[in-house]
């Protein structure tokens, strides 16, 4: 699941990437053009309810391409994001 929140007094949005407890086990990172597709840089952290999440600040007016990467090298998409550019999920902020 992806949530977008306008950052107060800034021309930016905070994107919160989250996965349910049923998502692949082990470490999972969100990688995309906002972090030069670097695994591990934005690792999702486990929350009390078993889900995992991480937030990233993105400048407004931009299309963001991303995917999730599990520790075993498995790439997967956010099922709630329907816009795709090739293999990448795309969200516009």
C-alpha atoms as a PDB file:
ATOM      1  CA  UNK A   1       0.000   0.000   0.000  1.00  0.00           C
ATOM      2  CA  UNK A   2       1.209   3.492  -0.798  1.00  0.00           C
ATOM      3  CA  UNK A   3       0.158   6.660   1.007  1.00  0.00           C
ATOM      4  CA  UNK A   4       1.009  10.198  -0.094  1.00  0.00           C
ATOM      5  CA  UNK A   5       0.941  13.139   2.354  1.00  0.00           C
ATOM      6  CA  UNK A   6       1.670  16.774   1.481  1.00  0.00           C
ATOM      7  CA  UNK A   7       4.541  18.109   3.609  1.00  0.00           C
ATOM      8  CA  UNK A   8       3.388  21.273   5.361  1.00  0.00           C
ATOM      9  CA  UNK A   9       5.133  24.480   4.203  1.00  0.00           C
ATOM     10  CA  UNK A  10       7.198  22.554   1.622  1.00  0.00           C
ATOM     11  CA  UNK A  11       6.838  21.805  -2.060  1.00  0.00           C
ATOM     12  CA  UNK A  12       7.137  18.094  -1.325  1.00  0.00           C
ATOM     13  CA  UNK A  13       5.234  14.947  -0.431  1.00  0.00           C
ATOM     14  CA  UNK A  14       5.995  12.163   1.975  1.00  0.00           C
ATOM     15  CA  UNK A  15       5.386   8.789   0.378  1.00  0.00           C
ATOM     16  CA  UNK A  16       4.861   5.960   2.841  1.00  0.00           C
ATOM     17  CA  UNK A  17       5.413   2.521   1.359  1.00  0.00           C
ATOM     18  CA  UNK A  18       3.885  -0.309   3.393  1.00  0.00           C
ATOM     19  CA  UNK A  19       3.464  -4.052   3.080  1.00  0.00           C
ATOM     20  CA  UNK A  20       1.093  -6.397   4.903  1.00  0.00           C
ATOM     21  CA  UNK A  21       2.391  -9.133   7.230  1.00  0.00           C
ATOM     22  CA  UNK A  22       1.807 -11.661   4.426  1.00  0.00           C
ATOM     23  CA  UNK A  23       4.441 -10.021   2.164  1.00  0.00           C
ATOM     24  CA  UNK A  24       7.716 -11.879   1.587  1.00  0.00           C
ATOM     25  CA  UNK A  25       9.544 -12.645   4.815  1.00  0.00           C
ATOM     26  CA  UNK A  26      12.951 -11.214   5.596  1.00  0.00           C
ATOM     27  CA  UNK A  27      14.312  -7.836   4.658  1.00  0.00           C
ATOM     28  CA  UNK A  28      12.494  -5.832   1.999  1.00  0.00           C
ATOM     29  CA  UNK A  29      13.609  -2.501   0.500  1.00  0.00           C
ATOM     30  CA  UNK A  30      11.765  -0.058  -1.678  1.00  0.00           C
ATOM     31  CA  UNK A  31      14.062   0.919  -4.512  1.00  0.00           C
ATOM     32  CA  UNK A  32      13.452   3.443  -7.230  1.00  0.00           C
ATOM     33  CA  UNK A  33      14.604   6.475  -9.107  1.00  0.00           C
ATOM     34  CA  UNK A  34      14.444   8.503  -5.862  1.00  0.00           C
ATOM     35  CA  UNK A  35      17.334   6.492  -4.356  1.00  0.00           C
ATOM     36  CA  UNK A  36      19.244   5.560  -7.529  1.00  0.00           C
ATOM     37  CA  UNK A  37      17.784   2.027  -7.319  1.00  0.00           C
ATOM     38  CA  UNK A  38      20.029   1.263  -4.324  1.00  0.00           C
ATOM     39  CA  UNK A  39      18.895  -1.825  -2.347  1.00  0.00           C
ATOM     40  CA  UNK A  40      18.906  -1.462   1.435  1.00  0.00           C
ATOM     41  CA  UNK A  41      18.821   2.313   1.416  1.00  0.00           C
ATOM     42  CA  UNK A  42      15.094   2.433   2.265  1.00  0.00           C
ATOM     43  CA  UNK A  43      14.422  -0.803   4.105  1.00  0.00           C
ATOM     44  CA  UNK A  44      10.898  -1.307   5.400  1.00  0.00           C
ATOM     45  CA  UNK A  45      10.750  -1.569   9.199  1.00  0.00           C
ATOM     46  CA  UNK A  46       8.404  -3.934  11.019  1.00  0.00           C
ATOM     47  CA  UNK A  47       5.486  -2.315  12.874  1.00  0.00           C
ATOM     48  CA  UNK A  48       3.563  -3.652  15.885  1.00  0.00           C
ATOM     49  CA  UNK A  49       0.770  -5.076  13.738  1.00  0.00           C
ATOM     50  CA  UNK A  50       3.251  -7.131  11.693  1.00  0.00           C
ATOM     51  CA  UNK A  51       3.144  -4.877   8.644  1.00  0.00           C
ATOM     52  CA  UNK A  52       6.276  -3.063   7.444  1.00  0.00           C
ATOM     53  CA  UNK A  53       6.712   0.527   6.269  1.00  0.00           C
ATOM     54  CA  UNK A  54       9.194   3.232   5.307  1.00  0.00           C
ATOM     55  CA  UNK A  55       8.648   6.885   4.318  1.00  0.00           C
ATOM     56  CA  UNK A  56      10.500   8.917   1.709  1.00  0.00           C
ATOM     57  CA  UNK A  57      10.246  12.645   0.961  1.00  0.00           C
ATOM     58  CA  UNK A  58       9.754  13.461  -2.740  1.00  0.00           C
ATOM     59  CA  UNK A  59       9.637  16.871  -4.465  1.00  0.00           C
ATOM     60  CA  UNK A  60       6.133  17.801  -5.709  1.00  0.00           C
ATOM     61  CA  UNK A  61       5.293  17.549  -9.400  1.00  0.00           C
ATOM     62  CA  UNK A  62       7.326  14.455 -10.049  1.00  0.00           C
ATOM     63  CA  UNK A  63       6.635  10.922 -11.282  1.00  0.00           C
ATOM     64  CA  UNK A  64       8.306   8.307  -9.088  1.00  0.00           C
ATOM     65  CA  UNK A  65       9.261   4.852 -10.366  1.00  0.00           C
ATOM     66  CA  UNK A  66       9.828   2.072  -7.847  1.00  0.00           C
ATOM     67  CA  UNK A  67       9.646  -1.634  -6.976  1.00  0.00           C
ATOM     68  CA  UNK A  68      10.173  -3.712  -3.861  1.00  0.00           C
ATOM     69  CA  UNK A  69      13.182  -5.993  -3.457  1.00  0.00           C
ATOM     70  CA  UNK A  70      13.188  -8.893  -0.981  1.00  0.00           C
ATOM     71  CA  UNK A  71      16.380 -10.233   0.620  1.00  0.00           C
ATOM     72  CA  UNK A  72      16.360 -13.303  -1.625  1.00  0.00           C
ATOM     73  CA  UNK A  73      16.600 -11.107  -4.741  1.00  0.00           C
ATOM     74  CA  UNK A  74      12.878 -11.330  -5.506  1.00  0.00           C
ATOM     75  CA  UNK A  75      11.496  -8.162  -7.131  1.00  0.00           C
ATOM     76  CA  UNK A  76       7.792  -7.439  -6.718  1.00  0.00           C
ATOM     77  CA  UNK A  77       5.281  -4.662  -7.303  1.00  0.00           C
ATOM     78  CA  UNK A  78       2.846  -2.795  -5.110  1.00  0.00           C
ATOM     79  CA  UNK A  79      -0.514  -4.374  -6.023  1.00  0.00           C
ATOM     80  CA  UNK A  80      -2.362  -1.117  -5.225  1.00  0.00           C
ATOM     81  CA  UNK A  81      -0.398   0.912  -7.803  1.00  0.00           C
ATOM     82  CA  UNK A  82      -1.937   0.296 -11.210  1.00  0.00           C
ATOM     83  CA  UNK A  83       0.222   2.683 -13.263  1.00  0.00           C
ATOM     84  CA  UNK A  84       3.248   0.888 -14.766  1.00  0.00           C
ATOM     85  CA  UNK A  85       6.203   1.916 -16.902  1.00  0.00           C
ATOM     86  CA  UNK A  86       7.631  -1.356 -18.157  1.00  0.00           C
ATOM     87  CA  UNK A  87       8.324  -3.316 -14.980  1.00  0.00           C
ATOM     88  CA  UNK A  88       8.240  -0.321 -12.618  1.00  0.00           C
ATOM     89  CA  UNK A  89       5.334   0.991 -10.546  1.00  0.00           C
ATOM     90  CA  UNK A  90       4.728   4.696 -11.163  1.00  0.00           C
ATOM     91  CA  UNK A  91       3.134   7.235  -8.850  1.00  0.00           C
ATOM     92  CA  UNK A  92       2.851  10.958  -9.499  1.00  0.00           C
ATOM     93  CA  UNK A  93       3.095  13.458  -6.636  1.00  0.00           C
END
